[in-house]
Amino acid sequence: MPETYLVTGGAGFIGSNLAIRLVDLGARVQIVDSMLPAYGADLANLEPVRGKIRLNFSDVRDQHSLSYVIQGEDLIFSLAGQVSHLDSMQDPMTDLEINCRSQLSILESCRYNNPGGKVVFAS
């Protein structure tokens, strides 16, 4: 089992439950979340692991931030995303930035700052 994990979108329902389980298994976990309420972020989801994780309030669209937080992580769970079908039709550019471009940014950040890291993309 890898030792260090990064969970993007980690304050959402799926990300927080994954983080809780990883901590229960003894892993070191870092959460990255933009905390945009419309996308499911809620700090209450992380209450069971309060003080046991590193929490970084950042947006996966921020390449500079990604380049920093991705360093040294063995496994990256890419769970951040905009999930509203209606929002994707009303504002397709933001949907593209969050759901597509940010995934490429994660991969590029790994290539330059953590080439040994592995990415798990949930779709």
PDB file of N, CA and C in Angstrom:
ATOM      1  N   MET A   1       0.850  -1.188   0.000  1.00  0.00           N
ATOM      2  CA  MET A   1       0.000   0.000   0.000  1.00  0.00           C
ATOM      3  C   MET A   1       0.890   1.244   0.000  1.00  0.00           C
ATOM      4  N   PRO A   2       0.666   2.158  -0.964  1.00  0.00           N
ATOM      5  CA  PRO A   2       1.433   3.416  -0.944  1.00  0.00           C
ATOM      6  C   PRO A   2       1.229   4.150   0.381  1.00  0.00           C
ATOM      7  N   GLU A   3       2.162   5.011   0.709  1.00  0.00           N
ATOM      8  CA  GLU A   3       2.117   5.679   2.002  1.00  0.00           C
ATOM      9  C   GLU A   3       1.425   7.028   1.974  1.00  0.00           C
ATOM     10  N   THR A   4       1.565   7.766   0.874  1.00  0.00           N
ATOM     11  CA  THR A   4       1.028   9.121   0.832  1.00  0.00           C
ATOM     12  C   THR A   4      -0.008   9.259  -0.270  1.00  0.00           C
ATOM     13  N   TYR A   5      -1.086   9.932   0.065  1.00  0.00           N
ATOM     14  CA  TYR A   5      -2.207  10.072  -0.864  1.00  0.00           C
ATOM     15  C   TYR A   5      -2.642  11.527  -0.952  1.00  0.00           C
ATOM     16  N   LEU A   6      -3.001  11.921  -2.155  1.00  0.00           N
ATOM     17  CA  LEU A   6      -3.613  13.223  -2.396  1.00  0.00           C
ATOM     18  C   LEU A   6      -5.007  12.951  -2.947  1.00  0.00           C
ATOM     19  N   VAL A   7      -6.010  13.602  -2.371  1.00  0.00           N
ATOM     20  CA  VAL A   7      -7.386  13.447  -2.842  1.00  0.00           C
ATOM     21  C   VAL A   7      -7.888  14.823  -3.253  1.00  0.00           C
ATOM     22  N   THR A   8      -8.050  15.028  -4.575  1.00  0.00           N
ATOM     23  CA  THR A   8      -8.637  16.285  -5.025  1.00  0.00           C
ATOM     24  C   THR A   8     -10.151  16.152  -4.903  1.00  0.00           C
ATOM     25  N   GLY A   9     -10.802  17.232  -4.526  1.00  0.00           N
ATOM     26  CA  GLY A   9     -12.237  17.159  -4.267  1.00  0.00           C
ATOM     27  C   GLY A   9     -12.514  16.400  -2.974  1.00  0.00           C
ATOM     28  N   GLY A  10     -11.559  16.422  -2.078  1.00  0.00           N
ATOM     29  CA  GLY A  10     -11.622  15.613  -0.863  1.00  0.00           C
ATOM     30  C   GLY A  10     -12.618  16.048   0.185  1.00  0.00           C
ATOM     31  N   ALA A  11     -13.235  17.218   0.047  1.00  0.00           N
ATOM     32  CA  ALA A  11     -14.257  17.646   1.004  1.00  0.00           C
ATOM     33  C   ALA A  11     -15.657  17.304   0.510  1.00  0.00           C
ATOM     34  N   GLY A  12     -15.741  16.690  -0.659  1.00  0.00           N
ATOM     35  CA  GLY A  12     -17.029  16.231  -1.173  1.00  0.00           C
ATOM     36  C   GLY A  12     -17.381  14.879  -0.572  1.00  0.00           C
ATOM     37  N   PHE A  13     -18.524  14.351  -0.959  1.00  0.00           N
ATOM     38  CA  PHE A  13     -19.005  13.097  -0.378  1.00  0.00           C
ATOM     39  C   PHE A  13     -18.064  11.925  -0.656  1.00  0.00           C
ATOM     40  N   ILE A  14     -17.738  11.693  -1.910  1.00  0.00           N
ATOM     41  CA  ILE A  14     -16.898  10.549  -2.256  1.00  0.00           C
ATOM     42  C   ILE A  14     -15.468  10.753  -1.757  1.00  0.00           C
ATOM     43  N   GLY A  15     -14.908  11.935  -2.007  1.00  0.00           N
ATOM     44  CA  GLY A  15     -13.538  12.207  -1.585  1.00  0.00           C
ATOM     45  C   GLY A  15     -13.339  12.109  -0.085  1.00  0.00           C
ATOM     46  N   SER A  16     -14.284  12.623   0.681  1.00  0.00           N
ATOM     47  CA  SER A  16     -14.146  12.581   2.142  1.00  0.00           C
ATOM     48  C   SER A  16     -14.249  11.159   2.666  1.00  0.00           C
ATOM     49  N   ASN A  17     -15.144  10.366   2.103  1.00  0.00           N
ATOM     50  CA  ASN A  17     -15.253   8.969   2.548  1.00  0.00           C
ATOM     51  C   ASN A  17     -14.014   8.169   2.182  1.00  0.00           C
ATOM     52  N   LEU A  18     -13.438   8.449   1.030  1.00  0.00           N
ATOM     53  CA  LEU A  18     -12.176   7.812   0.654  1.00  0.00           C
ATOM     54  C   LEU A  18     -11.074   8.218   1.638  1.00  0.00           C
ATOM     55  N   ALA A  19     -10.995   9.507   1.946  1.00  0.00           N
ATOM     56  CA  ALA A  19      -9.968  10.000   2.870  1.00  0.00           C
ATOM     57  C   ALA A  19     -10.119   9.357   4.250  1.00  0.00           C
ATOM     58  N   ILE A  20     -11.325   9.248   4.725  1.00  0.00           N
ATOM     59  CA  ILE A  20     -11.566   8.624   6.036  1.00  0.00           C
ATOM     60  C   ILE A  20     -11.069   7.184   6.038  1.00  0.00           C
ATOM     61  N   ARG A  21     -11.380   6.455   4.986  1.00  0.00           N
ATOM     62  CA  ARG A  21     -10.957   5.055   4.902  1.00  0.00           C
ATOM     63  C   ARG A  21      -9.435   4.944   4.817  1.00  0.00           C
ATOM     64  N   LEU A  22      -8.820   5.811   4.025  1.00  0.00           N
ATOM     65  CA  LEU A  22      -7.363   5.781   3.905  1.00  0.00           C
ATOM     66  C   LEU A  22      -6.689   6.061   5.246  1.00  0.00           C
ATOM     67  N   VAL A  23      -7.200   7.039   5.977  1.00  0.00           N
ATOM     68  CA  VAL A  23      -6.645   7.346   7.304  1.00  0.00           C
ATOM     69  C   VAL A  23      -6.827   6.153   8.236  1.00  0.00           C
ATOM     70  N   ASP A  24      -7.991   5.511   8.171  1.00  0.00           N
ATOM     71  CA  ASP A  24      -8.233   4.322   8.995  1.00  0.00           C
ATOM     72  C   ASP A  24      -7.235   3.209   8.691  1.00  0.00           C
ATOM     73  N   LEU A  25      -6.750   3.173   7.452  1.00  0.00           N
ATOM     74  CA  LEU A  25      -5.761   2.162   7.050  1.00  0.00           C
ATOM     75  C   LEU A  25      -4.330   2.587   7.368  1.00  0.00           C
ATOM     76  N   GLY A  26      -4.173   3.788   7.951  1.00  0.00           N
ATOM     77  CA  GLY A  26      -2.859   4.251   8.370  1.00  0.00           C
ATOM     78  C   GLY A  26      -2.119   5.112   7.370  1.00  0.00           C
ATOM     79  N   ALA A  27      -2.797   5.554   6.335  1.00  0.00           N
ATOM     80  CA  ALA A  27      -2.147   6.357   5.299  1.00  0.00           C
ATOM     81  C   ALA A  27      -2.035   7.820   5.708  1.00  0.00           C
ATOM     82  N   ARG A  28      -1.057   8.494   5.098  1.00  0.00           N
ATOM     83  CA  ARG A  28      -0.935   9.953   5.221  1.00  0.00           C
ATOM     84  C   ARG A  28      -1.725  10.538   4.057  1.00  0.00           C
ATOM     85  N   VAL A  29      -2.684  11.416   4.381  1.00  0.00           N
ATOM     86  CA  VAL A  29      -3.625  11.918   3.376  1.00  0.00           C
ATOM     87  C   VAL A  29      -3.603  13.445   3.333  1.00  0.00           C
ATOM     88  N   GLN A  30      -3.535  13.955   2.123  1.00  0.00           N
ATOM     89  CA  GLN A  30      -3.680  15.384   1.887  1.00  0.00           C
ATOM     90  C   GLN A  30      -4.935  15.593   1.028  1.00  0.00           C
ATOM     91  N   ILE A  31      -5.747  16.547   1.444  1.00  0.00           N
ATOM     92  CA  ILE A  31      -6.972  16.894   0.728  1.00  0.00           C
ATOM     93  C   ILE A  31      -6.749  18.225   0.024  1.00  0.00           C
ATOM     94  N   VAL A  32      -7.180  18.297  -1.233  1.00  0.00           N
ATOM     95  CA  VAL A  32      -7.221  19.555  -1.967  1.00  0.00           C
ATOM     96  C   VAL A  32      -8.669  19.780  -2.374  1.00  0.00           C
ATOM     97  N   ASP A  33      -9.209  20.917  -1.991  1.00  0.00           N
ATOM     98  CA  ASP A  33     -10.588  21.237  -2.364  1.00  0.00           C
ATOM     99  C   ASP A  33     -10.732  22.756  -2.445  1.00  0.00           C
ATOM    100  N   SER A  34     -11.480  23.194  -3.441  1.00  0.00           N
ATOM    101  CA  SER A  34     -11.708  24.632  -3.618  1.00  0.00           C
ATOM    102  C   SER A  34     -12.804  25.139  -2.690  1.00  0.00           C
ATOM    103  N   MET A  35     -13.529  24.224  -2.074  1.00  0.00           N
ATOM    104  CA  MET A  35     -14.608  24.554  -1.130  1.00  0.00           C
ATOM    105  C   MET A  35     -15.724  25.372  -1.782  1.00  0.00           C
ATOM    106  N   LEU A  36     -16.004  25.089  -3.033  1.00  0.00           N
ATOM    107  CA  LEU A  36     -17.138  25.731  -3.695  1.00  0.00           C
ATOM    108  C   LEU A  36     -18.401  24.971  -3.292  1.00  0.00           C
ATOM    109  N   PRO A  37     -19.271  25.600  -2.502  1.00  0.00           N
ATOM    110  CA  PRO A  37     -20.430  24.894  -1.951  1.00  0.00           C
ATOM    111  C   PRO A  37     -21.327  24.251  -3.009  1.00  0.00           C
ATOM    112  N   ALA A  38     -21.448  24.865  -4.160  1.00  0.00           N
ATOM    113  CA  ALA A  38     -22.324  24.323  -5.202  1.00  0.00           C
ATOM    114  C   ALA A  38     -21.832  22.973  -5.713  1.00  0.00           C
ATOM    115  N   TYR A  39     -20.578  22.635  -5.436  1.00  0.00           N
ATOM    116  CA  TYR A  39     -20.018  21.386  -5.945  1.00  0.00           C
ATOM    117  C   TYR A  39     -19.886  20.324  -4.862  1.00  0.00           C
ATOM    118  N   GLY A  40     -20.495  20.523  -3.716  1.00  0.00           N
ATOM    119  CA  GLY A  40     -20.562  19.489  -2.692  1.00  0.00           C
ATOM    120  C   GLY A  40     -19.553  19.579  -1.569  1.00  0.00           C
ATOM    121  N   ALA A  41     -18.686  20.563  -1.585  1.00  0.00           N
ATOM    122  CA  ALA A  41     -17.678  20.674  -0.532  1.00  0.00           C
ATOM    123  C   ALA A  41     -18.331  21.024   0.802  1.00  0.00           C
ATOM    124  N   ASP A  42     -17.929  20.305   1.834  1.00  0.00           N
ATOM    125  CA  ASP A  42     -18.461  20.548   3.176  1.00  0.00           C
ATOM    126  C   ASP A  42     -17.439  20.039   4.188  1.00  0.00           C
ATOM    127  N   LEU A  43     -16.902  20.928   4.993  1.00  0.00           N
ATOM    128  CA  LEU A  43     -15.901  20.522   5.989  1.00  0.00           C
ATOM    129  C   LEU A  43     -16.450  19.509   6.983  1.00  0.00           C
ATOM    130  N   ALA A  44     -17.747  19.497   7.193  1.00  0.00           N
ATOM    131  CA  ALA A  44     -18.349  18.517   8.104  1.00  0.00           C
ATOM    132  C   ALA A  44     -18.084  17.091   7.623  1.00  0.00           C
ATOM    133  N   ASN A  45     -17.924  16.909   6.320  1.00  0.00           N
ATOM    134  CA  ASN A  45     -17.624  15.579   5.785  1.00  0.00           C
ATOM    135  C   ASN A  45     -16.291  15.041   6.296  1.00  0.00           C
ATOM    136  N   LEU A  46     -15.378  15.944   6.661  1.00  0.00           N
ATOM    137  CA  LEU A  46     -14.043  15.550   7.104  1.00  0.00           C
ATOM    138  C   LEU A  46     -13.893  15.521   8.625  1.00  0.00           C
ATOM    139  N   GLU A  47     -14.950  15.766   9.339  1.00  0.00           N
ATOM    140  CA  GLU A  47     -14.890  15.821  10.802  1.00  0.00           C
ATOM    141  C   GLU A  47     -14.281  14.548  11.417  1.00  0.00           C
ATOM    142  N   PRO A  48     -14.600  13.349  10.908  1.00  0.00           N
ATOM    143  CA  PRO A  48     -14.015  12.140  11.516  1.00  0.00           C
ATOM    144  C   PRO A  48     -12.487  12.057  11.433  1.00  0.00           C
ATOM    145  N   VAL A  49     -11.874  12.810  10.525  1.00  0.00           N
ATOM    146  CA  VAL A  49     -10.411  12.770  10.393  1.00  0.00           C
ATOM    147  C   VAL A  49      -9.770  14.117  10.693  1.00  0.00           C
ATOM    148  N   ARG A  50     -10.511  14.956  11.369  1.00  0.00           N
ATOM    149  CA  ARG A  50      -9.982  16.272  11.743  1.00  0.00           C
ATOM    150  C   ARG A  50      -8.699  16.104  12.544  1.00  0.00           C
ATOM    151  N   GLY A  51      -7.663  16.816  12.129  1.00  0.00           N
ATOM    152  CA  GLY A  51      -6.367  16.727  12.797  1.00  0.00           C
ATOM    153  C   GLY A  51      -5.508  15.559  12.324  1.00  0.00           C
ATOM    154  N   LYS A  52      -6.038  14.727  11.440  1.00  0.00           N
ATOM    155  CA  LYS A  52      -5.303  13.564  10.951  1.00  0.00           C
ATOM    156  C   LYS A  52      -4.950  13.675   9.470  1.00  0.00           C
ATOM    157  N   ILE A  53      -5.368  14.764   8.832  1.00  0.00           N
ATOM    158  CA  ILE A  53      -5.102  14.975   7.412  1.00  0.00           C
ATOM    159  C   ILE A  53      -4.503  16.359   7.224  1.00  0.00           C
ATOM    160  N   ARG A  54      -3.924  16.568   6.054  1.00  0.00           N
ATOM    161  CA  ARG A  54      -3.532  17.918   5.656  1.00  0.00           C
ATOM    162  C   ARG A  54      -4.609  18.412   4.712  1.00  0.00           C
ATOM    163  N   LEU A  55      -5.093  19.614   4.950  1.00  0.00           N
ATOM    164  CA  LEU A  55      -6.166  20.186   4.145  1.00  0.00           C
ATOM    165  C   LEU A  55      -5.654  21.428   3.444  1.00  0.00           C
ATOM    166  N   ASN A  56      -5.739  21.423   2.120  1.00  0.00           N
ATOM    167  CA  ASN A  56      -5.256  22.531   1.314  1.00  0.00           C
ATOM    168  C   ASN A  56      -6.439  23.110   0.551  1.00  0.00           C
ATOM    169  N   PHE A  57      -6.800  24.357   0.853  1.00  0.00           N
ATOM    170  CA  PHE A  57      -7.889  25.028   0.145  1.00  0.00           C
ATOM    171  C   PHE A  57      -7.338  25.593  -1.151  1.00  0.00           C
ATOM    172  N   SER A  58      -7.526  24.853  -2.215  1.00  0.00           N
ATOM    173  CA  SER A  58      -6.988  25.237  -3.503  1.00  0.00           C
ATOM    174  C   SER A  58      -7.900  24.688  -4.593  1.00  0.00           C
ATOM    175  N   ASP A  59      -7.780  25.267  -5.752  1.00  0.00           N
ATOM    176  CA  ASP A  59      -8.604  24.879  -6.887  1.00  0.00           C
ATOM    177  C   ASP A  59      -7.743  24.091  -7.869  1.00  0.00           C
ATOM    178  N   VAL A  60      -8.280  22.994  -8.394  1.00  0.00           N
ATOM    179  CA  VAL A  60      -7.511  22.183  -9.341  1.00  0.00           C
ATOM    180  C   VAL A  60      -7.213  22.939 -10.631  1.00  0.00           C
ATOM    181  N   ARG A  61      -7.841  24.082 -10.825  1.00  0.00           N
ATOM    182  CA  ARG A  61      -7.539  24.908 -12.000  1.00  0.00           C
ATOM    183  C   ARG A  61      -6.287  25.755 -11.789  1.00  0.00           C
ATOM    184  N   ASP A  62      -5.765  25.793 -10.575  1.00  0.00           N
ATOM    185  CA  ASP A  62      -4.588  26.598 -10.239  1.00  0.00           C
ATOM    186  C   ASP A  62      -3.318  25.762 -10.429  1.00  0.00           C
ATOM    187  N   GLN A  63      -2.705  25.886 -11.586  1.00  0.00           N
ATOM    188  CA  GLN A  63      -1.529  25.093 -11.935  1.00  0.00           C
ATOM    189  C   GLN A  63      -0.384  25.271 -10.936  1.00  0.00           C
ATOM    190  N   HIS A  64      -0.155  26.492 -10.474  1.00  0.00           N
ATOM    191  CA  HIS A  64       0.927  26.752  -9.524  1.00  0.00           C
ATOM    192  C   HIS A  64       0.706  25.976  -8.231  1.00  0.00           C
ATOM    193  N   SER A  65      -0.489  26.019  -7.719  1.00  0.00           N
ATOM    194  CA  SER A  65      -0.816  25.301  -6.494  1.00  0.00           C
ATOM    195  C   SER A  65      -0.678  23.790  -6.688  1.00  0.00           C
ATOM    196  N   LEU A  66      -1.193  23.285  -7.797  1.00  0.00           N
ATOM    197  CA  LEU A  66      -1.089  21.851  -8.085  1.00  0.00           C
ATOM    198  C   LEU A  66       0.363  21.397  -8.107  1.00  0.00           C
ATOM    199  N   SER A  67       1.209  22.193  -8.713  1.00  0.00           N
ATOM    200  CA  SER A  67       2.618  21.837  -8.813  1.00  0.00           C
ATOM    201  C   SER A  67       3.249  21.663  -7.437  1.00  0.00           C
ATOM    202  N   TYR A  68       2.767  22.408  -6.473  1.00  0.00           N
ATOM    203  CA  TYR A  68       3.281  22.316  -5.110  1.00  0.00           C
ATOM    204  C   TYR A  68       2.691  21.112  -4.369  1.00  0.00           C
ATOM    205  N   VAL A  69       1.356  20.998  -4.353  1.00  0.00           N
ATOM    206  CA  VAL A  69       0.710  19.973  -3.515  1.00  0.00           C
ATOM    207  C   VAL A  69       0.930  18.553  -4.023  1.00  0.00           C
ATOM    208  N   ILE A  70       1.255  18.405  -5.286  1.00  0.00           N
ATOM    209  CA  ILE A  70       1.401  17.075  -5.873  1.00  0.00           C
ATOM    210  C   ILE A  70       2.767  16.451  -5.582  1.00  0.00           C
ATOM    211  N   GLN A  71       3.712  17.267  -5.158  1.00  0.00           N
ATOM    212  CA  GLN A  71       5.068  16.779  -4.896  1.00  0.00           C
ATOM    213  C   GLN A  71       5.073  15.761  -3.764  1.00  0.00           C
ATOM    214  N   GLY A  72       5.729  14.639  -4.009  1.00  0.00           N
ATOM    215  CA  GLY A  72       5.915  13.634  -2.968  1.00  0.00           C
ATOM    216  C   GLY A  72       4.730  12.722  -2.718  1.00  0.00           C
ATOM    217  N   GLU A  73       3.646  12.904  -3.438  1.00  0.00           N
ATOM    218  CA  GLU A  73       2.473  12.051  -3.231  1.00  0.00           C
ATOM    219  C   GLU A  73       2.633  10.768  -4.043  1.00  0.00           C
ATOM    220  N   ASP A  74       2.404   9.620  -3.398  1.00  0.00           N
ATOM    221  CA  ASP A  74       2.525   8.340  -4.090  1.00  0.00           C
ATOM    222  C   ASP A  74       1.346   8.093  -5.029  1.00  0.00           C
ATOM    223  N   LEU A  75       0.151   8.430  -4.559  1.00  0.00           N
ATOM    224  CA  LEU A  75      -1.059   8.149  -5.322  1.00  0.00           C
ATOM    225  C   LEU A  75      -1.992   9.346  -5.248  1.00  0.00           C
ATOM    226  N   ILE A  76      -2.473   9.773  -6.393  1.00  0.00           N
ATOM    227  CA  ILE A  76      -3.363  10.933  -6.475  1.00  0.00           C
ATOM    228  C   ILE A  76      -4.730  10.456  -6.942  1.00  0.00           C
ATOM    229  N   PHE A  77      -5.745  10.655  -6.111  1.00  0.00           N
ATOM    230  CA  PHE A  77      -7.118  10.362  -6.492  1.00  0.00           C
ATOM    231  C   PHE A  77      -7.724  11.651  -7.025  1.00  0.00           C
ATOM    232  N   SER A  78      -8.054  11.664  -8.298  1.00  0.00           N
ATOM    233  CA  SER A  78      -8.586  12.857  -8.952  1.00  0.00           C
ATOM    234  C   SER A  78     -10.108  12.812  -8.921  1.00  0.00           C
ATOM    235  N   LEU A  79     -10.689  13.413  -7.880  1.00  0.00           N
ATOM    236  CA  LEU A  79     -12.135  13.370  -7.682  1.00  0.00           C
ATOM    237  C   LEU A  79     -12.806  14.732  -7.808  1.00  0.00           C
ATOM    238  N   ALA A  80     -12.030  15.789  -7.952  1.00  0.00           N
ATOM    239  CA  ALA A  80     -12.620  17.128  -8.058  1.00  0.00           C
ATOM    240  C   ALA A  80     -13.376  17.245  -9.373  1.00  0.00           C
ATOM    241  N   GLY A  81     -14.505  17.914  -9.316  1.00  0.00           N
ATOM    242  CA  GLY A  81     -15.244  18.111 -10.555  1.00  0.00           C
ATOM    243  C   GLY A  81     -16.508  18.912 -10.367  1.00  0.00           C
ATOM    244  N   GLN A  82     -16.979  19.402 -11.468  1.00  0.00           N
ATOM    245  CA  GLN A  82     -18.265  20.089 -11.539  1.00  0.00           C
ATOM    246  C   GLN A  82     -19.242  19.035 -12.040  1.00  0.00           C
ATOM    247  N   VAL A  83     -20.287  18.750 -11.278  1.00  0.00           N
ATOM    248  CA  VAL A  83     -21.150  17.606 -11.592  1.00  0.00           C
ATOM    249  C   VAL A  83     -22.546  17.975 -12.084  1.00  0.00           C
ATOM    250  N   SER A  84     -22.844  19.236 -12.141  1.00  0.00           N
ATOM    251  CA  SER A  84     -24.193  19.643 -12.543  1.00  0.00           C
ATOM    252  C   SER A  84     -24.339  19.679 -14.066  1.00  0.00           C
ATOM    253  N   HIS A  85     -25.249  18.868 -14.568  1.00  0.00           N
ATOM    254  CA  HIS A  85     -25.527  18.859 -16.007  1.00  0.00           C
ATOM    255  C   HIS A  85     -26.057  20.225 -16.454  1.00  0.00           C
ATOM    256  N   LEU A  86     -26.936  20.808 -15.654  1.00  0.00           N
ATOM    257  CA  LEU A  86     -27.502  22.115 -15.985  1.00  0.00           C
ATOM    258  C   LEU A  86     -26.415  23.183 -16.028  1.00  0.00           C
ATOM    259  N   ASP A  87     -25.533  23.202 -15.033  1.00  0.00           N
ATOM    260  CA  ASP A  87     -24.433  24.170 -15.022  1.00  0.00           C
ATOM    261  C   ASP A  87     -23.518  23.990 -16.223  1.00  0.00           C
ATOM    262  N   SER A  88     -23.307  22.747 -16.641  1.00  0.00           N
ATOM    263  CA  SER A  88     -22.423  22.509 -17.780  1.00  0.00           C
ATOM    264  C   SER A  88     -23.003  23.090 -19.067  1.00  0.00           C
ATOM    265  N   MET A  89     -24.325  23.156 -19.159  1.00  0.00           N
ATOM    266  CA  MET A  89     -24.951  23.741 -20.348  1.00  0.00           C
ATOM    267  C   MET A  89     -25.014  25.263 -20.259  1.00  0.00           C
ATOM    268  N   GLN A  90     -25.181  25.794 -19.060  1.00  0.00           N
ATOM    269  CA  GLN A  90     -25.269  27.237 -18.877  1.00  0.00           C
ATOM    270  C   GLN A  90     -23.899  27.905 -18.913  1.00  0.00           C
ATOM    271  N   ASP A  91     -22.878  27.195 -18.449  1.00  0.00           N
ATOM    272  CA  ASP A  91     -21.529  27.746 -18.410  1.00  0.00           C
ATOM    273  C   ASP A  91     -20.532  26.668 -18.835  1.00  0.00           C
ATOM    274  N   PRO A  92     -20.515  26.325 -20.125  1.00  0.00           N
ATOM    275  CA  PRO A  92     -19.671  25.221 -20.579  1.00  0.00           C
ATOM    276  C   PRO A  92     -18.175  25.469 -20.422  1.00  0.00           C
ATOM    277  N   MET A  93     -17.742  26.716 -20.448  1.00  0.00           N
ATOM    278  CA  MET A  93     -16.307  26.988 -20.313  1.00  0.00           C
ATOM    279  C   MET A  93     -15.804  26.651 -18.906  1.00  0.00           C
ATOM    280  N   THR A  94     -16.586  26.999 -17.891  1.00  0.00           N
ATOM    281  CA  THR A  94     -16.193  26.642 -16.524  1.00  0.00           C
ATOM    282  C   THR A  94     -16.202  25.133 -16.357  1.00  0.00           C
ATOM    283  N   ASP A  95     -17.191  24.473 -16.917  1.00  0.00           N
ATOM    284  CA  ASP A  95     -17.266  23.017 -16.869  1.00  0.00           C
ATOM    285  C   ASP A  95     -16.022  22.398 -17.518  1.00  0.00           C
ATOM    286  N   LEU A  96     -15.638  22.935 -18.666  1.00  0.00           N
ATOM    287  CA  LEU A  96     -14.449  22.456 -19.364  1.00  0.00           C
ATOM    288  C   LEU A  96     -13.191  22.672 -18.515  1.00  0.00           C
ATOM    289  N   GLU A  97     -13.075  23.838 -17.897  1.00  0.00           N
ATOM    290  CA  GLU A  97     -11.908  24.141 -17.063  1.00  0.00           C
ATOM    291  C   GLU A  97     -11.795  23.172 -15.887  1.00  0.00           C
ATOM    292  N   ILE A  98     -12.915  22.936 -15.210  1.00  0.00           N
ATOM    293  CA  ILE A  98     -12.889  22.103 -14.002  1.00  0.00           C
ATOM    294  C   ILE A  98     -12.775  20.621 -14.343  1.00  0.00           C
ATOM    295  N   ASN A  99     -13.527  20.170 -15.320  1.00  0.00           N
ATOM    296  CA  ASN A  99     -13.614  18.732 -15.585  1.00  0.00           C
ATOM    297  C   ASN A  99     -12.627  18.208 -16.613  1.00  0.00           C
ATOM    298  N   CYS A 100     -12.073  19.059 -17.433  1.00  0.00           N
ATOM    299  CA  CYS A 100     -11.149  18.580 -18.472  1.00  0.00           C
ATOM    300  C   CYS A 100      -9.754  19.163 -18.326  1.00  0.00           C
ATOM    301  N   ARG A 101      -9.661  20.466 -18.424  1.00  0.00           N
ATOM    302  CA  ARG A 101      -8.340  21.106 -18.384  1.00  0.00           C
ATOM    303  C   ARG A 101      -7.603  20.809 -17.092  1.00  0.00           C
ATOM    304  N   SER A 102      -8.335  20.782 -15.985  1.00  0.00           N
ATOM    305  CA  SER A 102      -7.683  20.515 -14.700  1.00  0.00           C
ATOM    306  C   SER A 102      -7.094  19.112 -14.652  1.00  0.00           C
ATOM    307  N   GLN A 103      -7.710  18.152 -15.334  1.00  0.00           N
ATOM    308  CA  GLN A 103      -7.165  16.794 -15.361  1.00  0.00           C
ATOM    309  C   GLN A 103      -5.816  16.772 -16.074  1.00  0.00           C
ATOM    310  N   LEU A 104      -5.732  17.513 -17.156  1.00  0.00           N
ATOM    311  CA  LEU A 104      -4.454  17.626 -17.863  1.00  0.00           C
ATOM    312  C   LEU A 104      -3.427  18.334 -16.982  1.00  0.00           C
ATOM    313  N   SER A 105      -3.859  19.337 -16.239  1.00  0.00           N
ATOM    314  CA  SER A 105      -2.949  20.047 -15.328  1.00  0.00           C
ATOM    315  C   SER A 105      -2.407  19.111 -14.253  1.00  0.00           C
ATOM    316  N   ILE A 106      -3.241  18.226 -13.760  1.00  0.00           N
ATOM    317  CA  ILE A 106      -2.799  17.246 -12.758  1.00  0.00           C
ATOM    318  C   ILE A 106      -1.732  16.340 -13.368  1.00  0.00           C
ATOM    319  N   LEU A 107      -1.989  15.852 -14.572  1.00  0.00           N
ATOM    320  CA  LEU A 107      -1.014  14.978 -15.234  1.00  0.00           C
ATOM    321  C   LEU A 107       0.298  15.710 -15.530  1.00  0.00           C
ATOM    322  N   GLU A 108       0.195  16.946 -15.981  1.00  0.00           N
ATOM    323  CA  GLU A 108       1.405  17.730 -16.253  1.00  0.00           C
ATOM    324  C   GLU A 108       2.162  18.031 -14.959  1.00  0.00           C
ATOM    325  N   SER A 109       1.444  18.295 -13.888  1.00  0.00           N
ATOM    326  CA  SER A 109       2.098  18.532 -12.597  1.00  0.00           C
ATOM    327  C   SER A 109       2.848  17.292 -12.149  1.00  0.00           C
ATOM    328  N   CYS A 110       2.267  16.139 -12.382  1.00  0.00           N
ATOM    329  CA  CYS A 110       2.964  14.891 -12.058  1.00  0.00           C
ATOM    330  C   CYS A 110       4.205  14.734 -12.928  1.00  0.00           C
ATOM    331  N   ARG A 111       4.052  14.996 -14.207  1.00  0.00           N
ATOM    332  CA  ARG A 111       5.178  14.814 -15.128  1.00  0.00           C
ATOM    333  C   ARG A 111       6.382  15.650 -14.709  1.00  0.00           C
ATOM    334  N   TYR A 112       6.138  16.899 -14.295  1.00  0.00           N
ATOM    335  CA  TYR A 112       7.239  17.804 -13.967  1.00  0.00           C
ATOM    336  C   TYR A 112       7.643  17.791 -12.500  1.00  0.00           C
ATOM    337  N   ASN A 113       6.725  17.465 -11.603  1.00  0.00           N
ATOM    338  CA  ASN A 113       7.007  17.610 -10.173  1.00  0.00           C
ATOM    339  C   ASN A 113       6.905  16.321  -9.374  1.00  0.00           C
ATOM    340  N   ASN A 114       6.387  15.259  -9.988  1.00  0.00           N
ATOM    341  CA  ASN A 114       6.227  14.000  -9.284  1.00  0.00           C
ATOM    342  C   ASN A 114       6.088  12.858 -10.304  1.00  0.00           C
ATOM    343  N   PRO A 115       7.121  12.618 -11.092  1.00  0.00           N
ATOM    344  CA  PRO A 115       6.994  11.629 -12.158  1.00  0.00           C
ATOM    345  C   PRO A 115       6.712  10.203 -11.685  1.00  0.00           C
ATOM    346  N   GLY A 116       6.990   9.908 -10.440  1.00  0.00           N
ATOM    347  CA  GLY A 116       6.710   8.563  -9.917  1.00  0.00           C
ATOM    348  C   GLY A 116       5.307   8.416  -9.361  1.00  0.00           C
ATOM    349  N   GLY A 117       4.575   9.532  -9.257  1.00  0.00           N
ATOM    350  CA  GLY A 117       3.221   9.468  -8.715  1.00  0.00           C
ATOM    351  C   GLY A 117       2.257   8.802  -9.680  1.00  0.00           C
ATOM    352  N   LYS A 118       1.269   8.146  -9.124  1.00  0.00           N
ATOM    353  CA  LYS A 118       0.250   7.480  -9.924  1.00  0.00           C
ATOM    354  C   LYS A 118      -1.075   8.212  -9.722  1.00  0.00           C
ATOM    355  N   VAL A 119      -1.857   8.318 -10.799  1.00  0.00           N
ATOM    356  CA  VAL A 119      -3.128   9.033 -10.737  1.00  0.00           C
ATOM    357  C   VAL A 119      -4.275   8.056 -10.957  1.00  0.00           C
ATOM    358  N   VAL A 120      -5.264   8.143 -10.072  1.00  0.00           N
ATOM    359  CA  VAL A 120      -6.507   7.399 -10.219  1.00  0.00           C
ATOM    360  C   VAL A 120      -7.572   8.417 -10.579  1.00  0.00           C
ATOM    361  N   PHE A 121      -8.115   8.280 -11.785  1.00  0.00           N
ATOM    362  CA  PHE A 121      -9.145   9.205 -12.251  1.00  0.00           C
ATOM    363  C   PHE A 121     -10.498   8.532 -12.130  1.00  0.00           C
ATOM    364  N   ALA A 122     -11.386   9.150 -11.389  1.00  0.00           N
ATOM    365  CA  ALA A 122     -12.747   8.624 -11.238  1.00  0.00           C
ATOM    366  C   ALA A 122     -13.648   9.341 -12.217  1.00  0.00           C
ATOM    367  N   SER A 123     -14.457   8.598 -12.922  1.00  0.00           N
ATOM    368  CA  SER A 123     -15.321   9.212 -13.926  1.00  0.00           C
ATOM    369  C   SER A 123     -16.725   8.654 -13.808  1.00  0.00           C
TER     370      SER A 123
END
